[in-house]
Amino acid sequence: MVEEIKKEIEKIRKYEFLFSELVKRDFKKKYKRTVLGMFWSILSPLLQLIVMAVVFTRFFGRNTEHYIIYLFSGNLIFSFFKDATNGGMHALMSNANIIKKINVPKYLFMISKEVSSCINFGLTLIIYFIFVAVDGISFSPRFFLLVYPVVCLLIFNIGVGFILSALFVIFKDIQYLYDIFTQLLMYLSAIFYNVSAYSEKIQKLFYCNPVYVYITYFRQVVIGGIVPAWWIHVLCAVYALAVLITGMIIYKKYNYKFMYYI
């Protein structure tokens, strides 16, 4: 498996120019013919945050310290996950005309979507840190630890993208099932409520949700001002690598069928 990953990385390097152009195209295409353009990558999550803050602060914010940042942390991570995986799912079909004409690794189109989503995430992260400062939370060297869950989440998103892009080519119903799944996952990720209201056994069950683990890492570092426990670090890596490997296996299994369905 390690050798296969190295080979695929070499392929990406070989098509480095094409890959960079795909990332630029995906990023520009997202805001094509919009008045505000790239500013939507910042405005959209802010509007979501405002709506959620207005709706949920009264019910869940009274007993949660720095609730706006608590809410923003959850929304930031979940939005990155949802945007990246949805983009990855449609990557092959939306580039069908190119794939039919040019013999290049098809997964480049999927990974370019992930990188484009990562750029959007980075822009929103700047606004996030501004909110952190305004809310009176002091910056510390611990904040550099946030690179770890972001990298793990990026790998996790790529793995999910492999799975969804492969299945979507053959089973179009996947997009509707995934919409329902992400809606359910949002409520199970404790974005706007605090899990401390539940029993200890229920709280442990939340860690079966990878997105919740990445959100929790952010909250513990930024709001709690602590370094997450070693087992949270392990969970972040295990979820990322397990899903990536699973995604590569599924993608490779259906790869030969793609040209029949695209």
C-alpha atoms as a PDB file:
ATOM      1  CA  MET A   1       0.000   0.000   0.000  1.00  0.00           C
ATOM      2  CA  VAL A   2       2.838   2.402   0.850  1.00  0.00           C
ATOM      3  CA  GLU A   3       4.495   1.710  -2.510  1.00  0.00           C
ATOM      4  CA  GLU A   4       1.221   2.376  -4.321  1.00  0.00           C
ATOM      5  CA  ILE A   5       0.821   5.702  -2.540  1.00  0.00           C
ATOM      6  CA  LYS A   6       4.380   6.668  -3.540  1.00  0.00           C
ATOM      7  CA  LYS A   7       3.650   5.784  -7.174  1.00  0.00           C
ATOM      8  CA  GLU A   8       0.483   7.887  -7.169  1.00  0.00           C
ATOM      9  CA  ILE A   9       2.366  10.840  -5.654  1.00  0.00           C
ATOM     10  CA  GLU A  10       4.905  10.556  -8.462  1.00  0.00           C
ATOM     11  CA  LYS A  11       2.050  10.661 -10.977  1.00  0.00           C
ATOM     12  CA  ILE A  12       0.714  13.814  -9.381  1.00  0.00           C
ATOM     13  CA  ARG A  13       4.154  15.402  -9.674  1.00  0.00           C
ATOM     14  CA  LYS A  14       4.263  14.377 -13.339  1.00  0.00           C
ATOM     15  CA  TYR A  15       0.989  16.199 -13.969  1.00  0.00           C
ATOM     16  CA  GLU A  16       1.783  19.065 -11.587  1.00  0.00           C
ATOM     17  CA  PHE A  17       0.914  21.782 -14.113  1.00  0.00           C
ATOM     18  CA  LEU A  18      -2.432  20.192 -14.986  1.00  0.00           C
ATOM     19  CA  PHE A  19      -3.216  19.708 -11.304  1.00  0.00           C
ATOM     20  CA  SER A  20      -2.497  23.362 -10.459  1.00  0.00           C
ATOM     21  CA  GLU A  21      -4.670  24.496 -13.373  1.00  0.00           C
ATOM     22  CA  LEU A  22      -7.528  22.266 -12.182  1.00  0.00           C
ATOM     23  CA  VAL A  23      -7.321  23.775  -8.698  1.00  0.00           C
ATOM     24  CA  LYS A  24      -7.380  27.309 -10.138  1.00  0.00           C
ATOM     25  CA  ARG A  25     -10.289  26.432 -12.420  1.00  0.00           C
ATOM     26  CA  ASP A  26     -12.328  24.838  -9.603  1.00  0.00           C
ATOM     27  CA  PHE A  27     -11.756  27.828  -7.353  1.00  0.00           C
ATOM     28  CA  LYS A  28     -12.673  30.372 -10.037  1.00  0.00           C
ATOM     29  CA  LYS A  29     -15.622  28.336 -11.315  1.00  0.00           C
ATOM     30  CA  LYS A  30     -17.218  28.296  -7.878  1.00  0.00           C
ATOM     31  CA  TYR A  31     -17.583  32.080  -7.857  1.00  0.00           C
ATOM     32  CA  LYS A  32     -18.035  32.672 -11.585  1.00  0.00           C
ATOM     33  CA  ARG A  33     -20.660  35.312 -12.417  1.00  0.00           C
ATOM     34  CA  THR A  34     -21.130  36.316  -8.790  1.00  0.00           C
ATOM     35  CA  VAL A  35     -20.931  39.943  -7.720  1.00  0.00           C
ATOM     36  CA  LEU A  36     -18.927  39.319  -4.560  1.00  0.00           C
ATOM     37  CA  GLY A  37     -16.784  36.543  -6.052  1.00  0.00           C
ATOM     38  CA  MET A  38     -14.223  35.039  -3.679  1.00  0.00           C
ATOM     39  CA  PHE A  39     -15.678  37.062  -0.807  1.00  0.00           C
ATOM     40  CA  TRP A  40     -18.498  34.478  -0.645  1.00  0.00           C
ATOM     41  CA  SER A  41     -16.025  31.953   0.773  1.00  0.00           C
ATOM     42  CA  ILE A  42     -15.874  34.191   3.837  1.00  0.00           C
ATOM     43  CA  LEU A  43     -19.396  35.624   3.824  1.00  0.00           C
ATOM     44  CA  SER A  44     -21.223  32.296   3.496  1.00  0.00           C
ATOM     45  CA  PRO A  45     -19.912  30.687   6.727  1.00  0.00           C
ATOM     46  CA  LEU A  46     -20.358  34.001   8.543  1.00  0.00           C
ATOM     47  CA  LEU A  47     -24.023  34.177   7.544  1.00  0.00           C
ATOM     48  CA  GLN A  48     -24.471  30.566   8.658  1.00  0.00           C
ATOM     49  CA  LEU A  49     -22.807  31.438  11.957  1.00  0.00           C
ATOM     50  CA  ILE A  50     -25.077  34.442  12.499  1.00  0.00           C
ATOM     51  CA  VAL A  51     -28.219  32.394  11.829  1.00  0.00           C
ATOM     52  CA  MET A  52     -27.091  29.566  14.123  1.00  0.00           C
ATOM     53  CA  ALA A  53     -26.020  32.028  16.823  1.00  0.00           C
ATOM     54  CA  VAL A  54     -29.399  33.777  16.766  1.00  0.00           C
ATOM     55  CA  VAL A  55     -31.299  30.480  16.866  1.00  0.00           C
ATOM     56  CA  PHE A  56     -29.217  28.472  19.331  1.00  0.00           C
ATOM     57  CA  THR A  57     -27.534  30.949  21.731  1.00  0.00           C
ATOM     58  CA  ARG A  58     -30.676  31.339  23.799  1.00  0.00           C
ATOM     59  CA  PHE A  59     -31.077  27.582  24.237  1.00  0.00           C
ATOM     60  CA  PHE A  60     -27.517  26.234  24.356  1.00  0.00           C
ATOM     61  CA  GLY A  61     -25.222  29.222  24.909  1.00  0.00           C
ATOM     62  CA  ARG A  62     -26.016  30.077  28.496  1.00  0.00           C
ATOM     63  CA  ASN A  63     -23.854  27.363  30.031  1.00  0.00           C
ATOM     64  CA  THR A  64     -21.147  27.192  27.362  1.00  0.00           C
ATOM     65  CA  GLU A  65     -18.077  29.401  27.665  1.00  0.00           C
ATOM     66  CA  HIS A  66     -17.227  31.412  24.528  1.00  0.00           C
ATOM     67  CA  TYR A  67     -20.287  29.977  22.828  1.00  0.00           C
ATOM     68  CA  ILE A  68     -19.834  31.892  19.554  1.00  0.00           C
ATOM     69  CA  ILE A  69     -16.333  30.424  19.129  1.00  0.00           C
ATOM     70  CA  TYR A  70     -17.669  27.041  20.227  1.00  0.00           C
ATOM     71  CA  LEU A  71     -20.303  27.306  17.500  1.00  0.00           C
ATOM     72  CA  PHE A  72     -17.880  28.717  14.919  1.00  0.00           C
ATOM     73  CA  SER A  73     -15.387  25.880  15.551  1.00  0.00           C
ATOM     74  CA  GLY A  74     -18.012  23.242  14.858  1.00  0.00           C
ATOM     75  CA  ASN A  75     -19.418  25.022  11.816  1.00  0.00           C
ATOM     76  CA  LEU A  76     -15.925  25.677  10.411  1.00  0.00           C
ATOM     77  CA  ILE A  77     -14.821  22.038  10.512  1.00  0.00           C
ATOM     78  CA  PHE A  78     -18.138  20.595   9.378  1.00  0.00           C
ATOM     79  CA  SER A  79     -18.428  23.037   6.456  1.00  0.00           C
ATOM     80  CA  PHE A  80     -14.934  22.078   5.297  1.00  0.00           C
ATOM     81  CA  PHE A  81     -15.837  18.396   5.474  1.00  0.00           C
ATOM     82  CA  LYS A  82     -19.154  18.828   3.652  1.00  0.00           C
ATOM     83  CA  ASP A  83     -17.825  21.123   0.920  1.00  0.00           C
ATOM     84  CA  ALA A  84     -14.776  18.938   0.218  1.00  0.00           C
ATOM     85  CA  THR A  85     -16.628  15.626   0.126  1.00  0.00           C
ATOM     86  CA  ASN A  86     -19.529  16.932  -1.965  1.00  0.00           C
ATOM     87  CA  GLY A  87     -17.049  18.380  -4.441  1.00  0.00           C
ATOM     88  CA  GLY A  88     -15.117  15.124  -4.522  1.00  0.00           C
ATOM     89  CA  MET A  89     -18.280  13.129  -5.175  1.00  0.00           C
ATOM     90  CA  HIS A  90     -19.109  15.058  -8.377  1.00  0.00           C
ATOM     91  CA  ALA A  91     -15.494  15.496  -9.541  1.00  0.00           C
ATOM     92  CA  LEU A  92     -15.396  12.690 -12.103  1.00  0.00           C
ATOM     93  CA  MET A  93     -18.824  13.258 -13.634  1.00  0.00           C
ATOM     94  CA  SER A  94     -18.365  17.024 -13.897  1.00  0.00           C
ATOM     95  CA  ASN A  95     -15.098  16.471 -15.799  1.00  0.00           C
ATOM     96  CA  ALA A  96     -16.377  13.632 -17.997  1.00  0.00           C
ATOM     97  CA  ASN A  97     -15.603  15.479 -21.265  1.00  0.00           C
ATOM     98  CA  ILE A  98     -11.950  15.946 -20.291  1.00  0.00           C
ATOM     99  CA  ILE A  99     -11.558  12.401 -18.976  1.00  0.00           C
ATOM    100  CA  LYS A 100     -12.839  10.949 -22.266  1.00  0.00           C
ATOM    101  CA  LYS A 101     -10.351  12.944 -24.332  1.00  0.00           C
ATOM    102  CA  ILE A 102      -7.179  12.978 -22.231  1.00  0.00           C
ATOM    103  CA  ASN A 103      -5.451   9.995 -20.655  1.00  0.00           C
ATOM    104  CA  VAL A 104      -4.589  11.298 -17.179  1.00  0.00           C
ATOM    105  CA  PRO A 105      -5.117   9.836 -13.689  1.00  0.00           C
ATOM    106  CA  LYS A 106      -8.807  10.466 -13.031  1.00  0.00           C
ATOM    107  CA  TYR A 107      -8.313  10.979  -9.313  1.00  0.00           C
ATOM    108  CA  LEU A 108      -6.508  14.265 -10.078  1.00  0.00           C
ATOM    109  CA  PHE A 109      -9.907  15.843 -10.673  1.00  0.00           C
ATOM    110  CA  MET A 110     -11.156  14.654  -7.291  1.00  0.00           C
ATOM    111  CA  ILE A 111      -8.065  15.781  -5.372  1.00  0.00           C
ATOM    112  CA  SER A 112      -8.172  19.194  -7.079  1.00  0.00           C
ATOM    113  CA  LYS A 113     -11.654  19.657  -5.593  1.00  0.00           C
ATOM    114  CA  GLU A 114     -10.277  18.810  -2.156  1.00  0.00           C
ATOM    115  CA  VAL A 115      -7.471  21.356  -2.486  1.00  0.00           C
ATOM    116  CA  SER A 116      -9.913  24.011  -3.693  1.00  0.00           C
ATOM    117  CA  SER A 117     -12.072  23.376  -0.610  1.00  0.00           C
ATOM    118  CA  CYS A 118      -8.949  23.571   1.542  1.00  0.00           C
ATOM    119  CA  ILE A 119      -8.218  27.060   0.154  1.00  0.00           C
ATOM    120  CA  ASN A 120     -11.759  28.155   1.053  1.00  0.00           C
ATOM    121  CA  PHE A 121     -11.242  26.700   4.521  1.00  0.00           C
ATOM    122  CA  GLY A 122      -8.005  28.661   4.919  1.00  0.00           C
ATOM    123  CA  LEU A 123      -9.748  31.934   4.052  1.00  0.00           C
ATOM    124  CA  THR A 124     -12.514  31.242   6.562  1.00  0.00           C
ATOM    125  CA  LEU A 125      -9.910  30.278   9.176  1.00  0.00           C
ATOM    126  CA  ILE A 126      -8.548  33.839   9.038  1.00  0.00           C
ATOM    127  CA  ILE A 127     -11.992  35.193   9.979  1.00  0.00           C
ATOM    128  CA  TYR A 128     -12.232  32.521  12.677  1.00  0.00           C
ATOM    129  CA  PHE A 129      -9.060  33.779  14.355  1.00  0.00           C
ATOM    130  CA  ILE A 130     -10.342  37.352  14.172  1.00  0.00           C
ATOM    131  CA  PHE A 131     -13.468  36.215  16.057  1.00  0.00           C
ATOM    132  CA  VAL A 132     -11.239  34.412  18.560  1.00  0.00           C
ATOM    133  CA  ALA A 133      -9.316  37.626  19.242  1.00  0.00           C
ATOM    134  CA  VAL A 134     -12.497  39.729  19.520  1.00  0.00           C
ATOM    135  CA  ASP A 135     -13.943  37.207  21.988  1.00  0.00           C
ATOM    136  CA  GLY A 136     -10.986  37.800  24.299  1.00  0.00           C
ATOM    137  CA  ILE A 137      -9.246  34.461  23.832  1.00  0.00           C
ATOM    138  CA  SER A 138      -5.472  34.837  24.034  1.00  0.00           C
ATOM    139  CA  PHE A 139      -3.339  33.376  21.279  1.00  0.00           C
ATOM    140  CA  SER A 140      -0.727  30.892  22.391  1.00  0.00           C
ATOM    141  CA  PRO A 141       1.896  28.584  20.826  1.00  0.00           C
ATOM    142  CA  ARG A 142      -0.661  25.769  21.267  1.00  0.00           C
ATOM    143  CA  PHE A 143      -2.542  27.149  18.286  1.00  0.00           C
ATOM    144  CA  PHE A 144       0.147  25.695  16.008  1.00  0.00           C
ATOM    145  CA  LEU A 145      -1.207  22.283  17.027  1.00  0.00           C
ATOM    146  CA  LEU A 146      -4.295  23.027  14.940  1.00  0.00           C
ATOM    147  CA  VAL A 147      -2.256  22.125  11.863  1.00  0.00           C
ATOM    148  CA  TYR A 148      -2.485  18.490  12.967  1.00  0.00           C
ATOM    149  CA  PRO A 149      -6.304  18.054  12.885  1.00  0.00           C
ATOM    150  CA  VAL A 150      -6.511  20.114   9.671  1.00  0.00           C
ATOM    151  CA  VAL A 151      -4.032  17.804   7.906  1.00  0.00           C
ATOM    152  CA  CYS A 152      -5.835  14.746   9.284  1.00  0.00           C
ATOM    153  CA  LEU A 153      -9.195  16.126   8.148  1.00  0.00           C
ATOM    154  CA  LEU A 154      -7.795  16.867   4.677  1.00  0.00           C
ATOM    155  CA  ILE A 155      -6.608  13.246   4.392  1.00  0.00           C
ATOM    156  CA  PHE A 156      -9.970  12.059   5.731  1.00  0.00           C
ATOM    157  CA  ASN A 157     -11.809  14.185   3.141  1.00  0.00           C
ATOM    158  CA  ILE A 158      -9.688  12.769   0.329  1.00  0.00           C
ATOM    159  CA  GLY A 159     -10.527   9.247   1.493  1.00  0.00           C
ATOM    160  CA  VAL A 160     -14.256  10.013   1.569  1.00  0.00           C
ATOM    161  CA  GLY A 161     -13.879  11.719  -1.825  1.00  0.00           C
ATOM    162  CA  PHE A 162     -12.378   8.539  -3.290  1.00  0.00           C
ATOM    163  CA  ILE A 163     -15.327   6.512  -2.011  1.00  0.00           C
ATOM    164  CA  LEU A 164     -18.034   8.928  -3.127  1.00  0.00           C
ATOM    165  CA  SER A 165     -16.538   9.748  -6.538  1.00  0.00           C
ATOM    166  CA  ALA A 166     -16.210   6.042  -7.362  1.00  0.00           C
ATOM    167  CA  LEU A 167     -19.715   5.139  -6.218  1.00  0.00           C
ATOM    168  CA  PHE A 168     -21.397   8.192  -7.735  1.00  0.00           C
ATOM    169  CA  VAL A 169     -20.204   7.290 -11.224  1.00  0.00           C
ATOM    170  CA  ILE A 170     -22.103   3.992 -10.975  1.00  0.00           C
ATOM    171  CA  PHE A 171     -24.858   4.728  -8.462  1.00  0.00           C
ATOM    172  CA  LYS A 172     -26.366   8.204  -8.919  1.00  0.00           C
ATOM    173  CA  ASP A 173     -28.609   7.681  -5.885  1.00  0.00           C
ATOM    174  CA  ILE A 174     -25.528   8.195  -3.722  1.00  0.00           C
ATOM    175  CA  GLN A 175     -25.913  11.987  -3.895  1.00  0.00           C
ATOM    176  CA  TYR A 176     -29.378  11.879  -2.304  1.00  0.00           C
ATOM    177  CA  LEU A 177     -28.363   9.364   0.325  1.00  0.00           C
ATOM    178  CA  TYR A 178     -25.286  11.438   1.137  1.00  0.00           C
ATOM    179  CA  ASP A 179     -27.375  14.596   1.597  1.00  0.00           C
ATOM    180  CA  ILE A 180     -29.428  12.761   4.226  1.00  0.00           C
ATOM    181  CA  PHE A 181     -26.284  11.331   5.810  1.00  0.00           C
ATOM    182  CA  THR A 182     -24.558  14.733   6.137  1.00  0.00           C
ATOM    183  CA  GLN A 183     -27.716  16.211   7.636  1.00  0.00           C
ATOM    184  CA  LEU A 184     -27.728  13.462  10.265  1.00  0.00           C
ATOM    185  CA  LEU A 185     -23.981  13.810  10.804  1.00  0.00           C
ATOM    186  CA  MET A 186     -24.365  17.529  11.476  1.00  0.00           C
ATOM    187  CA  TYR A 187     -26.710  16.847  14.394  1.00  0.00           C
ATOM    188  CA  LEU A 188     -24.392  14.119  15.697  1.00  0.00           C
ATOM    189  CA  SER A 189     -21.336  16.389  15.612  1.00  0.00           C
ATOM    190  CA  ALA A 190     -22.401  18.601  18.553  1.00  0.00           C
ATOM    191  CA  ILE A 191     -21.952  21.779  16.533  1.00  0.00           C
ATOM    192  CA  PHE A 192     -24.450  23.903  18.467  1.00  0.00           C
ATOM    193  CA  TYR A 193     -24.920  21.948  21.707  1.00  0.00           C
ATOM    194  CA  ASN A 194     -22.618  20.694  24.454  1.00  0.00           C
ATOM    195  CA  VAL A 195     -22.300  16.936  25.020  1.00  0.00           C
ATOM    196  CA  SER A 196     -21.661  17.482  28.730  1.00  0.00           C
ATOM    197  CA  ALA A 197     -25.440  17.337  29.195  1.00  0.00           C
ATOM    198  CA  TYR A 198     -25.320  13.624  28.385  1.00  0.00           C
ATOM    199  CA  SER A 199     -24.108  10.699  30.456  1.00  0.00           C
ATOM    200  CA  GLU A 200     -20.468   9.624  30.284  1.00  0.00           C
ATOM    201  CA  LYS A 201     -21.356   6.586  28.157  1.00  0.00           C
ATOM    202  CA  ILE A 202     -23.188   8.723  25.599  1.00  0.00           C
ATOM    203  CA  GLN A 203     -20.324  11.220  25.524  1.00  0.00           C
ATOM    204  CA  LYS A 204     -17.896   8.425  24.613  1.00  0.00           C
ATOM    205  CA  LEU A 205     -20.146   7.371  21.725  1.00  0.00           C
ATOM    206  CA  PHE A 206     -19.659  10.791  20.118  1.00  0.00           C
ATOM    207  CA  TYR A 207     -16.018   9.879  19.507  1.00  0.00           C
ATOM    208  CA  CYS A 208     -17.219   7.268  17.001  1.00  0.00           C
ATOM    209  CA  ASN A 209     -17.891  10.272  14.764  1.00  0.00           C
ATOM    210  CA  PRO A 210     -14.607  11.412  13.138  1.00  0.00           C
ATOM    211  CA  VAL A 211     -15.932  14.920  12.431  1.00  0.00           C
ATOM    212  CA  TYR A 212     -16.753  15.368  16.117  1.00  0.00           C
ATOM    213  CA  VAL A 213     -13.195  14.319  17.012  1.00  0.00           C
ATOM    214  CA  TYR A 214     -11.695  17.008  14.758  1.00  0.00           C
ATOM    215  CA  ILE A 215     -14.120  19.613  16.104  1.00  0.00           C
ATOM    216  CA  THR A 216     -13.280  18.639  19.682  1.00  0.00           C
ATOM    217  CA  TYR A 217      -9.558  19.008  18.979  1.00  0.00           C
ATOM    218  CA  PHE A 218     -10.120  22.584  17.780  1.00  0.00           C
ATOM    219  CA  ARG A 219     -12.276  23.467  20.768  1.00  0.00           C
ATOM    220  CA  GLN A 220      -9.886  22.047  23.348  1.00  0.00           C
ATOM    221  CA  VAL A 221      -6.930  23.965  21.912  1.00  0.00           C
ATOM    222  CA  VAL A 222      -8.671  27.286  21.231  1.00  0.00           C
ATOM    223  CA  ILE A 223     -11.334  27.519  23.949  1.00  0.00           C
ATOM    224  CA  GLY A 224      -9.938  25.144  26.574  1.00  0.00           C
ATOM    225  CA  GLY A 225      -6.346  26.274  26.114  1.00  0.00           C
ATOM    226  CA  ILE A 226      -5.109  22.703  26.545  1.00  0.00           C
ATOM    227  CA  VAL A 227      -3.274  20.106  24.505  1.00  0.00           C
ATOM    228  CA  PRO A 228      -5.757  17.325  23.661  1.00  0.00           C
ATOM    229  CA  ALA A 229      -5.136  13.906  25.184  1.00  0.00           C
ATOM    230  CA  TRP A 230      -2.871  11.459  23.356  1.00  0.00           C
ATOM    231  CA  TRP A 231      -5.795   9.222  22.413  1.00  0.00           C
ATOM    232  CA  ILE A 232      -7.504  12.104  20.589  1.00  0.00           C
ATOM    233  CA  HIS A 233      -4.325  12.531  18.523  1.00  0.00           C
ATOM    234  CA  VAL A 234      -4.410   8.811  17.767  1.00  0.00           C
ATOM    235  CA  LEU A 235      -8.104   8.901  16.799  1.00  0.00           C
ATOM    236  CA  CYS A 236      -7.498  11.815  14.391  1.00  0.00           C
ATOM    237  CA  ALA A 237      -4.778   9.864  12.586  1.00  0.00           C
ATOM    238  CA  VAL A 238      -6.532   6.482  12.673  1.00  0.00           C
ATOM    239  CA  TYR A 239      -9.764   7.849  11.192  1.00  0.00           C
ATOM    240  CA  ALA A 240      -7.849   9.722   8.471  1.00  0.00           C
ATOM    241  CA  LEU A 241      -5.644   6.806   7.418  1.00  0.00           C
ATOM    242  CA  ALA A 242      -8.394   4.171   7.710  1.00  0.00           C
ATOM    243  CA  VAL A 243     -10.768   6.126   5.469  1.00  0.00           C
ATOM    244  CA  LEU A 244      -7.996   7.016   3.000  1.00  0.00           C
ATOM    245  CA  ILE A 245      -6.950   3.367   2.618  1.00  0.00           C
ATOM    246  CA  THR A 246     -10.591   2.243   2.346  1.00  0.00           C
ATOM    247  CA  GLY A 247     -11.249   4.934  -0.247  1.00  0.00           C
ATOM    248  CA  MET A 248      -8.245   3.937  -2.345  1.00  0.00           C
ATOM    249  CA  ILE A 249      -9.317   0.278  -2.289  1.00  0.00           C
ATOM    250  CA  ILE A 250     -12.892   1.099  -3.363  1.00  0.00           C
ATOM    251  CA  TYR A 251     -11.697   3.554  -6.016  1.00  0.00           C
ATOM    252  CA  LYS A 252      -9.278   0.990  -7.445  1.00  0.00           C
ATOM    253  CA  LYS A 253     -12.000  -1.679  -7.440  1.00  0.00           C
ATOM    254  CA  TYR A 254     -14.374   0.385  -9.602  1.00  0.00           C
ATOM    255  CA  ASN A 255     -11.751   2.303 -11.583  1.00  0.00           C
ATOM    256  CA  TYR A 256     -11.939   0.059 -14.671  1.00  0.00           C
ATOM    257  CA  LYS A 257     -15.710   0.587 -14.893  1.00  0.00           C
ATOM    258  CA  PHE A 258     -15.653   4.380 -14.980  1.00  0.00           C
ATOM    259  CA  MET A 259     -15.346   4.783 -18.745  1.00  0.00           C
ATOM    260  CA  TYR A 260     -18.495   2.676 -19.238  1.00  0.00           C
ATOM    261  CA  TYR A 261     -20.607   4.989 -17.086  1.00  0.00           C
ATOM    262  CA  ILE A 262     -19.123   8.442 -17.661  1.00  0.00           C
END
